[in-house]
Each structure stands twice: as structure tokens, then as C-alpha cells.
């Protein structure tokens, strides 16, 4: 799937009912970027591992804002940059992950 007017592919992840929204974001970005969500004991290069989610968004606030999937919050979306990706989380339990272009990174 691609965004209109953009060439970057969007990775889509469905958060399972047993996952919190913050856990789903971490899993989605790890899968989309090919990195580990948790550092292996022998990891020498930090680029192989996601930085903690709390460095960009409060996981508890994200979970609280979107927690009631069946309460009609499908229209609620939260977007933020994380691990060189633009992440959009919907109240319906979908995470979309798109690699940020170099022009996006330069404007931050």
C-alpha cells in the first residue's frame, strides 16, 4: 500500500486484543524496520535496536487515549515520528508505519 503522492510504502500492523497500543507500535516499527524491539545481550550496535518508545511518546498516555477499541474510537488517530518512521495509530487497533524521507528528517 502506498500513500497518495508518495513513493514510500506503508507497513500496516493490526494490534491483537492481547497487546497494548504501545506494544503494538513497538512490534510494528520493529517489523517494518527490521530491527529488534529489545537489545540482545551481545548487541554491539545500537542501530540494531529500537530506542525506548517513551523517548518520543508517553506509552501510558497512548494506551489510555486509545484503550477502548470497541467504544467507537476508530476515528481517533495519533501520529508521531519514531525510529526514522512516521507512525500513525488508530483507535481501531491499526498501526501504519512509513519510512520518513530524507526531506522530512532535514526539516526536524
Protein backbone atom coordinates (compact mmCIF):
# COMPACT_ATOMS: atom_id res chain seq x y z
CA UNK A 1 0.00 0.00 0.00
CA UNK A 2 1.28 3.50 -0.75
CA UNK A 3 0.14 6.98 0.19
CA UNK A 4 -1.25 9.23 -2.49
CA UNK A 5 1.53 11.33 -3.99
CA UNK A 6 4.24 9.48 -2.05
CA UNK A 7 6.53 6.69 -3.19
CA UNK A 8 7.24 5.28 0.27
CA UNK A 9 5.44 2.02 1.13
CA UNK A 10 3.32 1.92 4.27
CA UNK A 11 3.60 -1.09 6.56
CA UNK A 12 0.31 -1.95 8.29
CA UNK A 13 0.09 -3.87 11.56
CA UNK A 14 -3.07 -4.98 13.35
CA UNK A 15 -2.73 -4.85 17.14
CA UNK A 16 -4.02 -8.04 18.71
CA UNK A 17 -6.53 -7.84 21.58
CA UNK A 18 -3.83 -9.18 23.93
CA UNK A 19 -1.42 -6.31 23.06
CA UNK A 20 -1.50 -2.76 24.35
CA UNK A 21 -1.30 0.02 21.78
CA UNK A 22 2.26 0.83 22.82
CA UNK A 23 3.29 -2.83 22.46
CA UNK A 24 1.71 -2.84 19.00
CA UNK A 25 3.66 0.26 17.97
CA UNK A 26 6.94 -1.30 19.07
CA UNK A 27 6.16 -4.57 17.28
CA UNK A 28 5.08 -2.76 14.10
CA UNK A 29 8.14 -0.49 13.90
CA UNK A 30 10.50 -3.36 14.72
CA UNK A 31 8.98 -5.48 11.95
CA UNK A 32 8.80 -2.64 9.41
CA UNK A 33 12.39 -1.55 10.03
CA UNK A 34 13.95 -4.99 10.52
CA UNK A 35 15.29 -4.11 13.97
CA UNK A 36 14.99 -5.78 17.35
CA UNK A 37 12.47 -4.42 19.82
CA UNK A 38 14.71 -5.48 22.71
CA UNK A 39 18.51 -5.44 22.68
CA UNK A 40 20.09 -8.88 22.63
CA UNK A 41 22.77 -9.27 25.28
CA UNK A 42 25.51 -9.43 22.64
CA UNK A 43 24.31 -6.41 20.59
CA UNK A 44 27.25 -4.15 19.95
CA UNK A 45 25.49 -1.74 17.58
CA UNK A 46 22.59 0.29 19.00
CA UNK A 47 21.29 0.88 15.45
CA UNK A 48 20.11 -2.75 15.52
CA UNK A 49 17.68 -1.97 18.35
CA UNK A 50 14.71 0.38 18.73
CA UNK A 51 15.15 3.25 21.15
CA UNK A 52 12.64 3.16 24.01
CA UNK A 53 9.18 4.31 22.89
CA UNK A 54 8.98 6.67 25.88
CA UNK A 55 11.68 8.84 24.28
CA UNK A 56 9.10 10.06 21.72
CA UNK A 57 5.65 9.46 23.27
CA UNK A 58 4.26 8.56 26.69
CA UNK A 59 3.20 4.89 26.30
CA UNK A 60 0.71 5.10 29.18
CA UNK A 61 -0.94 8.18 27.67
CA UNK A 62 -1.10 6.50 24.25
CA UNK A 63 -2.71 3.40 25.78
CA UNK A 64 -5.17 5.48 27.80
CA UNK A 65 -6.18 7.62 24.83
CA UNK A 66 -6.90 4.66 22.57
CA UNK A 67 -7.70 1.87 25.05
CA UNK A 68 -11.38 1.26 24.30
CA UNK A 69 -11.26 -0.27 20.81
CA UNK A 70 -14.95 -1.16 20.86
CA UNK A 71 -16.18 2.22 22.06
CA UNK A 72 -16.37 3.89 18.66
CA UNK A 73 -12.90 5.44 18.78
CA UNK A 74 -11.98 4.15 15.32
CA UNK A 75 -11.80 7.77 14.13
CA UNK A 76 -9.16 8.68 16.74
CA UNK A 77 -5.62 8.69 15.36
CA UNK A 78 -2.29 9.58 16.91
CA UNK A 79 0.76 10.22 14.72
CA UNK A 80 4.39 10.70 15.71
CA UNK A 81 7.93 10.10 14.47
CA UNK A 82 9.74 7.05 15.86
CA UNK A 83 12.93 5.30 14.72
CA UNK A 84 13.11 7.22 11.41
CA UNK A 85 9.48 6.36 10.65
CA UNK A 86 6.16 8.17 10.75
CA UNK A 87 3.79 6.12 12.90
CA UNK A 88 0.00 6.50 12.90
CA UNK A 89 -2.03 4.55 15.45
CA UNK A 90 -5.81 4.35 15.14
CA UNK A 91 -8.32 3.70 17.87
CA UNK A 92 -9.47 0.64 15.94
CA UNK A 93 -6.14 -1.10 16.58
CA UNK A 94 -4.24 -0.42 13.35
CA UNK A 95 -0.67 0.86 13.18
CA UNK A 96 0.68 2.30 9.94
CA UNK A 97 4.42 2.75 9.65
CA UNK A 98 6.05 4.75 6.88
CA UNK A 99 9.78 5.37 6.45
CA UNK A 100 10.48 9.08 6.75
CA UNK A 101 12.10 10.61 3.69
CA UNK A 102 15.36 12.49 3.96
CA UNK A 103 13.48 15.76 3.33
CA UNK A 104 11.25 15.05 6.36
CA UNK A 105 14.31 14.33 8.51
CA UNK A 106 16.07 17.51 7.40
CA UNK A 107 13.09 19.67 8.38
CA UNK A 108 13.00 18.41 12.00
